[in-house]
């Protein structure tokens, strides 16, 4: 199967190239970049030298794919860009008879709550993802929070407090005063306190499960490059008092290949470069602490997009993803 990455020069695009280049069903990868058109992909993603030989394209000539039985397209553009281009793309795909043969996975927030797209939280929405042709990948924080919260949806705890830390790659490849290494390294700060955009998709998923918690979410910016670590705290309500809370999580994820229940604390380093999520639960009296670690560019972005591709195509969801990250890093 042929694949295309729209907006391939960012960190998400680089990770898509890396994962797709070792995927057994992907025969070719093309990537676009307006600012880097004509340059080798490895000039922007140097880890791919000798692995990916293509040049970045400025645009895609969709007509050359009109005879393909199936095509997978990843949109890895900055938030807000793809939404403006999508209607005209769909019109062109329909004109060429391609629309029903294209599997589209958008990595931005543009379609995360949209009736025309399946929300691609792989472990939770696998049944809806299978066979779908339009998928919106969840946000990185949203993935961590939901994997740590949704097993408790049947018990509907009221107040959820979340503190989560992310690395600088979560802000993208373009440097700013808050992501530039000299001003971010050796520092630690909160940002978008109680107002992060990922809250909306978390609460939307909770509501679909019949749960309307009060969520207090404070994200933090660290000097890490990759990784997310979330601590989720709550107080047990009456329906939870006689439950084995860690057992709820172990049972919920027992058949989920990429969710690893660990004792003690998870570690970001154990997940970086992979699609794995490490999760643990600690209780003390009526207090519950859930900890989640993942790679924001892996399970939080590109690797989960590949997992969603696998599900949509009817492949084992771990195809091309059974890979541990480096340790130590």
Foldseek 3Di string as FASTA:
>chain_A
DEEEEEAQLKLLNLVLLVLLLQFPVYDYYAYADQVQAPAFSCVRVVVCVVRGGDGHHNDDPCLVCLPPQAYEYEYDDEAPPVVVVVVVVCVVCVVSVNNLRYQYEYQHPHPCPPPLEDEQLCLPCLVVLAQHRHYYYAAQVLSQVLLQPVLCLVQQFAEKEKEKEFELSSVMDDDDCCNPLVNAAPDKDWPCFQHDPNVVSNQVVSVVSVHHHHYGYIYMYHHHHWKMKMKMKGFHDPVCQPPPVQVSSCVSCVPPVQEAEDPDADDQQFAPPALHKYKYWDDDRRMIIIMIMHTCSDVRGNVSSQLSVCSHVVHNSCRSGPDTDDPPD
